[in-house]
């Protein structure tokens, strides 16, 4: 259950007086960070609200973690959550939500493709009653036509086969209310497709369209194999349509095989034509073998997801949490899954194993 409590609340409840938390996963974004903080400050400081920046270092190797740790020593707005290694963006988002203490939580990337200038509009929608404010991309500057086309096609395919309606052309850039974050904390799956989970909770949602900007610096950390893997994760997490399609293909293939066999028998008995030799037989065996391998592989994907869920490993592990001491110490992160298992077998309560060290500067 990682840093999410089993009772449906965040690891840290909403901090008194804290209005806004901005969760930003960071992986090898050293070039972007000096540009990110001034841009955020230019938008957030004029709002005159109490806010925090929850930066999640997802095992960066380019000095991003060191840069953030140095800044956390003096920046009272910054809360740095460092994971023990690279767990992936979905896990980093989960960690950020667990440590966000605001009444409203905004998720955004560190590359400034999602304009911070839209934050006031998102807060206004939240104040008007929206628990989720999804930001829909009207255009995607700086991306190839193939990436834009494939993203457009994927979102529409996923919506057709998904059990829930997932807003099209939306990324992770969104606002969640405290109620929405507490709802998210009740979802215990290890294989996470966050865009789908945000939609699954079903709370009142407002969609705001915007034009996505090109990266301000650096290069994207996503490659096509990674994007394809994320897309497949989304499909297998929110739909069994591939399994049903495979079953339908198997039925059609079997019917075609029966009809072909009847046709051969009819030609031999009625027309007296000899049975064709090995070419047709080899072709049929090869075709059926390919269909079987695809079916087994697809079934294996679903079985594999079940296997990883059954092991109940944490979604992530925390190395430490850094922030300037404001007179209030952070609590240590504890293994709530282990505590839950103890309760299930009615064993005496023991101190829960501490998994991280929390440092205050």
Protein backbone atom coordinates (compact mmCIF):
# COMPACT_ATOMS: atom_id res chain seq x y z
CA UNK A 1 0.00 0.00 0.00
CA UNK A 2 3.17 2.10 0.05
CA UNK A 3 2.74 5.56 1.47
CA UNK A 4 -1.03 5.43 1.25
CA UNK A 5 -2.88 4.58 4.45
CA UNK A 6 -5.32 1.68 4.36
CA UNK A 7 -8.16 3.75 5.81
CA UNK A 8 -8.43 5.94 2.74
CA UNK A 9 -6.53 9.00 3.92
CA UNK A 10 -3.23 10.39 2.75
CA UNK A 11 -0.02 9.76 4.64
CA UNK A 12 -0.20 13.43 5.60
CA UNK A 13 -3.60 14.99 6.12
CA UNK A 14 -4.27 18.48 4.85
CA UNK A 15 -1.93 20.81 6.71
CA UNK A 16 -3.66 23.62 8.54
CA UNK A 17 -3.68 26.81 6.51
CA UNK A 18 -2.10 25.17 3.45
CA UNK A 19 -4.26 25.92 0.42
CA UNK A 20 -2.32 24.61 -2.56
CA UNK A 21 0.17 21.80 -3.19
CA UNK A 22 1.85 21.45 -6.57
CA UNK A 23 3.17 17.93 -7.21
CA UNK A 24 5.98 17.71 -9.76
CA UNK A 25 7.74 14.41 -10.58
CA UNK A 26 11.38 14.97 -11.52
CA UNK A 27 13.60 12.60 -13.48
CA UNK A 28 16.84 13.98 -14.96
CA UNK A 29 15.52 17.54 -15.33
CA UNK A 30 18.61 19.42 -14.12
CA UNK A 31 18.46 21.82 -17.08
CA UNK A 32 14.82 22.65 -16.41
CA UNK A 33 14.88 23.27 -12.67
CA UNK A 34 16.52 26.75 -12.70
CA UNK A 35 13.79 27.84 -15.14
CA UNK A 36 10.93 26.16 -13.31
CA UNK A 37 11.10 27.83 -9.89
CA UNK A 38 11.06 31.49 -11.08
CA UNK A 39 8.18 30.72 -13.43
CA UNK A 40 6.15 29.14 -10.64
CA UNK A 41 6.95 31.96 -8.22
CA UNK A 42 5.83 34.59 -10.73
CA UNK A 43 2.39 32.94 -10.80
CA UNK A 44 1.96 31.74 -7.22
CA UNK A 45 3.34 34.63 -5.16
CA UNK A 46 0.78 37.19 -6.45
CA UNK A 47 -2.04 34.84 -5.41
CA UNK A 48 -1.15 35.48 -1.76
CA UNK A 49 -2.04 31.97 -0.64
CA UNK A 50 -0.09 29.45 1.40
CA UNK A 51 1.37 26.91 -1.03
CA UNK A 52 4.00 24.19 -1.24
CA UNK A 53 5.95 22.59 -4.07
CA UNK A 54 6.14 18.82 -3.64
CA UNK A 55 9.02 17.75 -5.87
CA UNK A 56 9.47 13.98 -6.23
CA UNK A 57 12.98 12.96 -7.31
CA UNK A 58 12.42 9.68 -9.13
CA UNK A 59 16.01 8.44 -8.95
CA UNK A 60 17.57 11.18 -11.11
CA UNK A 61 21.19 10.70 -12.17
CA UNK A 62 21.99 14.12 -13.61
CA UNK A 63 22.26 16.13 -10.40
CA UNK A 64 18.57 17.05 -10.15
CA UNK A 65 18.32 15.56 -6.66
CA UNK A 66 21.38 17.47 -5.44
CA UNK A 67 20.05 20.74 -6.85
CA UNK A 68 16.70 20.24 -5.16
CA UNK A 69 18.28 19.19 -1.85
CA UNK A 70 20.34 22.38 -1.76
CA UNK A 71 17.27 24.48 -2.49
CA UNK A 72 15.19 22.66 0.13
CA UNK A 73 17.63 23.94 2.76
CA UNK A 74 16.35 27.51 2.35
CA UNK A 75 13.14 27.45 0.29
CA UNK A 76 10.23 27.16 2.73
CA UNK A 77 7.83 26.35 -0.10
CA UNK A 78 9.77 23.27 -1.23
CA UNK A 79 9.15 19.76 0.08
CA UNK A 80 11.52 17.28 -1.58
CA UNK A 81 10.52 13.61 -1.63
CA UNK A 82 13.36 11.39 -2.84
CA UNK A 83 12.57 7.84 -3.93
CA UNK A 84 15.08 5.07 -3.29
CA UNK A 85 15.45 4.46 -7.04
CA UNK A 86 13.68 5.13 -10.32
CA UNK A 87 10.18 3.66 -9.98
CA UNK A 88 8.58 5.45 -12.95
CA UNK A 89 6.36 8.47 -13.32
CA UNK A 90 3.14 6.81 -12.14
CA UNK A 91 4.80 5.78 -8.87
CA UNK A 92 6.34 9.24 -8.46
CA UNK A 93 2.91 10.82 -8.86
CA UNK A 94 1.52 8.49 -6.21
CA UNK A 95 4.31 9.49 -3.82
CA UNK A 96 3.69 13.17 -4.47
CA UNK A 97 -0.02 12.84 -3.76
CA UNK A 98 0.73 11.01 -0.52
CA UNK A 99 2.92 13.86 0.73
CA UNK A 100 0.79 16.76 -0.54
CA UNK A 101 -0.86 18.63 2.32
CA UNK A 102 -2.92 21.24 0.48
CA UNK A 103 -6.67 21.52 0.12
CA UNK A 104 -6.12 21.63 -3.65
CA UNK A 105 -3.39 19.62 -5.37
CA UNK A 106 -2.13 20.40 -8.86
CA UNK A 107 -0.07 17.88 -10.82
CA UNK A 108 2.24 19.15 -13.52
CA UNK A 109 5.46 18.19 -15.29
CA UNK A 110 8.80 19.89 -14.75
CA UNK A 111 9.35 20.67 -18.44
CA UNK A 112 7.05 23.75 -18.49
CA UNK A 113 5.04 22.37 -21.39
CA UNK A 114 2.06 22.82 -19.09
CA UNK A 115 1.87 26.60 -18.49
CA UNK A 116 1.87 27.56 -14.78
CA UNK A 117 -0.07 30.66 -15.82
CA UNK A 118 -3.19 28.45 -15.96
CA UNK A 119 -3.05 27.73 -12.23
CA UNK A 120 -5.38 30.64 -11.27
CA UNK A 121 -8.01 29.33 -13.71
CA UNK A 122 -7.72 25.85 -12.21
CA UNK A 123 -8.11 27.21 -8.70
CA UNK A 124 -11.18 29.17 -9.76
CA UNK A 125 -12.80 26.01 -11.16
CA UNK A 126 -12.03 24.24 -7.88
CA UNK A 127 -13.58 27.05 -5.85
CA UNK A 128 -16.69 26.72 -8.01
CA UNK A 129 -17.11 23.10 -6.93
CA UNK A 130 -15.02 20.90 -9.23
CA UNK A 131 -13.15 18.09 -7.47
CA UNK A 132 -11.10 17.37 -10.58
CA UNK A 133 -9.98 19.96 -13.12
CA UNK A 134 -8.62 18.23 -16.23
CA UNK A 135 -6.54 20.21 -18.68
CA UNK A 136 -7.30 19.21 -22.28
CA UNK A 137 -4.63 19.80 -24.90
CA UNK A 138 -6.01 21.83 -27.78
CA UNK A 139 -2.65 21.73 -29.56
CA UNK A 140 0.73 20.10 -28.85
CA UNK A 141 3.59 22.34 -29.97
CA UNK A 142 7.02 20.80 -30.44
CA UNK A 143 5.77 17.25 -31.04
CA UNK A 144 6.04 15.26 -34.26
CA UNK A 145 2.97 14.60 -36.36
CA UNK A 146 3.30 10.87 -35.63
CA UNK A 147 3.30 11.39 -31.86
CA UNK A 148 0.28 13.68 -32.09
CA UNK A 149 -1.58 11.25 -34.36
CA UNK A 150 -0.78 8.20 -32.21
CA UNK A 151 -1.82 10.02 -29.01
CA UNK A 152 -5.07 11.15 -30.64
CA UNK A 153 -5.82 7.61 -31.83
CA UNK A 154 -4.90 6.00 -28.50
CA UNK A 155 -7.19 8.16 -26.37
CA UNK A 156 -10.13 7.46 -28.65
CA UNK A 157 -9.44 3.74 -28.74
CA UNK A 158 -9.12 3.60 -24.96
CA UNK A 159 -12.41 5.42 -24.50
CA UNK A 160 -14.20 2.97 -26.79
CA UNK A 161 -13.08 -0.10 -24.87
CA UNK A 162 -12.65 1.28 -21.33
CA UNK A 163 -15.07 0.65 -18.49
CA UNK A 164 -14.91 4.36 -17.58
CA UNK A 165 -14.87 7.49 -19.70
CA UNK A 166 -11.37 8.94 -19.73
CA UNK A 167 -11.18 12.56 -20.95
CA UNK A 168 -9.52 12.63 -24.36
CA UNK A 169 -6.26 14.50 -25.03
CA UNK A 170 -5.59 15.08 -21.34
CA UNK A 171 -2.30 14.32 -19.64
CA UNK A 172 -1.34 14.44 -15.98
CA UNK A 173 -1.73 18.22 -15.78
CA UNK A 174 -4.79 18.62 -13.55
CA UNK A 175 -6.10 19.76 -10.19
CA UNK A 176 -7.43 17.40 -7.53
CA UNK A 177 -9.36 18.43 -4.46
CA UNK A 178 -8.48 16.98 -1.06
CA UNK A 179 -11.57 14.79 -1.43
CA UNK A 180 -10.25 13.43 -4.74
CA UNK A 181 -6.80 12.71 -3.28
CA UNK A 182 -8.34 10.85 -0.36
CA UNK A 183 -10.39 8.83 -2.85
CA UNK A 184 -7.23 8.04 -4.83
CA UNK A 185 -5.53 6.81 -1.66
CA UNK A 186 -8.08 3.98 -1.44
CA UNK A 187 -6.90 2.50 -4.75
CA UNK A 188 -4.29 -0.09 -3.83
CA UNK A 189 -3.23 -1.53 -7.19
CA UNK A 190 0.49 -1.68 -7.98
CA UNK A 191 0.19 -1.37 -11.76
CA UNK A 192 -1.02 2.20 -12.09
CA UNK A 193 -2.32 4.15 -15.05
CA UNK A 194 -2.99 7.41 -13.27
CA UNK A 195 -5.02 9.10 -16.01
CA UNK A 196 -7.49 6.24 -15.82
CA UNK A 197 -7.57 6.24 -12.03
CA UNK A 198 -8.31 9.97 -11.97
CA UNK A 199 -11.35 9.28 -14.15
CA UNK A 200 -12.37 6.12 -12.28
CA UNK A 201 -13.08 7.91 -8.98
CA UNK A 202 -15.95 9.67 -10.76
CA UNK A 203 -15.98 12.96 -8.84
CA UNK A 204 -17.28 16.20 -10.45
CA UNK A 205 -14.86 17.19 -13.19
CA UNK A 206 -14.36 20.35 -15.20
CA UNK A 207 -12.33 20.37 -18.42
CA UNK A 208 -10.28 23.41 -19.45
CA UNK A 209 -8.68 23.53 -22.89
CA UNK A 210 -5.20 24.94 -23.42
CA UNK A 211 -2.36 25.00 -25.92
CA UNK A 212 0.57 22.86 -24.81
CA UNK A 213 3.97 24.48 -25.20
CA UNK A 214 7.26 22.95 -26.37
CA UNK A 215 9.85 22.03 -23.75
CA UNK A 216 11.68 25.04 -22.36
CA UNK A 217 14.98 23.11 -22.19
CA UNK A 218 16.35 19.58 -22.37
CA UNK A 219 14.80 16.59 -24.09
CA UNK A 220 11.85 14.36 -23.32
CA UNK A 221 12.59 11.30 -21.19
CA UNK A 222 9.88 9.33 -22.97
CA UNK A 223 10.75 7.22 -26.02
CA UNK A 224 8.31 5.37 -28.26
CA UNK A 225 8.76 1.96 -26.56
CA UNK A 226 8.05 3.63 -23.20
CA UNK A 227 4.96 5.36 -24.55
CA UNK A 228 3.73 2.12 -26.11
CA UNK A 229 4.24 0.34 -22.80
CA UNK A 230 2.25 3.03 -20.98
CA UNK A 231 -0.51 2.80 -23.58
CA UNK A 232 -0.68 -0.97 -23.21
CA UNK A 233 -0.76 -0.54 -19.43
CA UNK A 234 -3.75 1.77 -19.81
CA UNK A 235 -5.61 -0.66 -22.05
CA UNK A 236 -4.99 -3.75 -19.92
CA UNK A 237 -5.77 -1.87 -16.69
CA UNK A 238 -9.16 -0.59 -17.78
CA UNK A 239 -10.48 -3.08 -20.30
CA UNK A 240 -10.76 -6.80 -21.02
CA UNK A 241 -11.66 -6.06 -24.63
CA UNK A 242 -8.35 -7.52 -25.92
CA UNK A 243 -9.22 -10.86 -24.31
CA UNK A 244 -12.70 -10.83 -25.82
CA UNK A 245 -11.29 -9.85 -29.19
CA UNK A 246 -8.83 -12.74 -28.98
CA UNK A 247 -11.65 -15.15 -28.15
CA UNK A 248 -13.67 -13.86 -31.10
CA UNK A 249 -10.65 -14.27 -33.38
CA UNK A 250 -10.22 -17.83 -32.14
CA UNK A 251 -13.86 -18.67 -32.87
CA UNK A 252 -13.66 -17.17 -36.36
CA UNK A 253 -10.40 -19.00 -37.06
CA UNK A 254 -11.92 -22.30 -35.94
CA UNK A 255 -14.97 -21.75 -38.15
CA UNK A 256 -12.75 -20.88 -41.09
CA UNK A 257 -10.75 -24.06 -40.49
CA UNK A 258 -13.92 -26.18 -40.42
CA UNK A 259 -15.24 -24.61 -43.62
CA UNK A 260 -11.88 -25.10 -45.32
CA UNK A 261 -11.83 -28.77 -44.30
CA UNK A 262 -15.37 -29.29 -45.62
CA UNK A 263 -14.38 -27.61 -48.88
CA UNK A 264 -11.42 -29.96 -49.31
CA UNK A 265 -13.57 -33.03 -48.59
CA UNK A 266 -16.24 -31.84 -51.03
CA UNK A 267 -13.71 -31.24 -53.80
CA UNK A 268 -12.18 -34.66 -53.26
CA UNK A 269 -15.41 -36.66 -53.09
CA UNK A 270 -17.56 -34.76 -55.57
CA UNK A 271 -15.13 -33.31 -58.07
CA UNK A 272 -12.44 -35.92 -57.70
CA UNK A 273 -9.68 -33.36 -57.24
CA UNK A 274 -6.65 -34.58 -55.32
CA UNK A 275 -5.84 -33.08 -51.92
CA UNK A 276 -3.19 -30.36 -52.17
CA UNK A 277 0.20 -31.09 -50.68
CA UNK A 278 2.34 -29.53 -48.02
CA UNK A 279 2.22 -25.82 -48.99
CA UNK A 280 -1.38 -25.30 -47.89
CA UNK A 281 -0.86 -27.42 -44.77
CA UNK A 282 2.28 -25.54 -43.74
CA UNK A 283 0.60 -22.19 -44.36
CA UNK A 284 -2.36 -23.14 -42.21
CA UNK A 285 -0.16 -24.45 -39.38
CA UNK A 286 1.97 -21.30 -39.46
CA UNK A 287 -1.10 -19.08 -39.37
CA UNK A 288 -2.70 -20.95 -36.49
CA UNK A 289 0.60 -21.04 -34.61
CA UNK A 290 0.90 -17.27 -34.90
CA UNK A 291 -2.65 -16.76 -33.66
CA UNK A 292 -1.99 -19.06 -30.71
CA UNK A 293 1.24 -17.30 -29.75
CA UNK A 294 -0.44 -13.89 -29.89
CA UNK A 295 -3.29 -15.19 -27.75
CA UNK A 296 -0.94 -16.74 -25.21
CA UNK A 297 1.13 -13.56 -25.04
CA UNK A 298 -1.94 -11.41 -24.49
CA UNK A 299 -3.25 -13.74 -21.82
CA UNK A 300 0.20 -13.71 -20.25
CA UNK A 301 0.06 -9.92 -19.92
CA UNK A 302 -3.09 -10.14 -17.83
CA UNK A 303 -1.72 -13.06 -15.80
CA UNK A 304 1.50 -11.11 -15.24
CA UNK A 305 -0.43 -8.11 -13.92
CA UNK A 306 -2.25 -10.43 -11.50
CA UNK A 307 1.10 -11.93 -10.45
CA UNK A 308 2.62 -8.56 -9.59
CA UNK A 309 -0.53 -7.46 -7.78
CA UNK A 310 -0.51 -10.66 -5.70
CA UNK A 311 3.05 -10.03 -4.50
CA UNK A 312 1.86 -6.77 -2.88
CA UNK A 313 5.15 -4.95 -3.22
CA UNK A 314 4.99 -1.23 -2.42
CA UNK A 315 4.43 1.08 -5.36
CA UNK A 316 7.59 2.92 -4.31
CA UNK A 317 10.00 3.31 -1.39
CA UNK A 318 11.10 6.62 0.08
CA UNK A 319 14.77 7.45 0.57
CA UNK A 320 14.08 10.62 2.55
CA UNK A 321 11.99 13.77 2.70
CA UNK A 322 13.70 17.16 2.88
CA UNK A 323 12.26 20.56 3.66
CA UNK A 324 13.18 23.61 5.65
CA UNK A 325 12.10 23.19 9.25
CA UNK A 326 9.03 25.30 10.00
CA UNK A 327 8.79 24.17 13.59
CA UNK A 328 6.90 21.02 12.66
CA UNK A 329 8.65 17.73 12.06
CA UNK A 330 7.59 15.30 9.38
CA UNK A 331 6.44 11.88 10.53
CA UNK A 332 8.47 8.82 9.48
CA UNK A 333 7.10 6.73 6.66
CA UNK A 334 5.86 3.36 7.85
CA UNK A 335 5.01 0.10 6.13
CA UNK A 336 1.21 0.19 6.41
CA UNK A 337 0.84 -3.01 4.37
CA UNK A 338 2.75 -4.93 7.01
CA UNK A 339 0.61 -3.38 9.74
CA UNK A 340 -2.54 -4.36 7.87
CA UNK A 341 -1.36 -7.97 7.53
CA UNK A 342 -0.72 -8.15 11.29
CA UNK A 343 -4.25 -7.01 12.01
CA UNK A 344 -5.66 -9.60 9.62
CA UNK A 345 -4.18 -12.48 11.62
CA UNK A 346 -4.96 -10.89 15.02
CA UNK A 347 -1.35 -10.72 16.13
CA UNK A 348 -0.33 -8.31 18.91
CA UNK A 349 0.51 -4.87 17.60
CA UNK A 350 4.24 -4.23 17.32
CA UNK A 351 6.11 -1.06 16.29
CA UNK A 352 5.92 -0.75 12.52
CA UNK A 353 9.24 -0.95 10.69
CA UNK A 354 10.54 2.47 9.66
CA UNK A 355 11.44 2.57 5.98
CA UNK A 356 12.90 6.02 5.65
CA UNK A 357 14.79 8.78 7.38
CA UNK A 358 13.20 12.22 7.42
CA UNK A 359 15.60 15.12 7.50
CA UNK A 360 14.92 18.73 8.34
CA UNK A 361 17.32 21.54 7.48
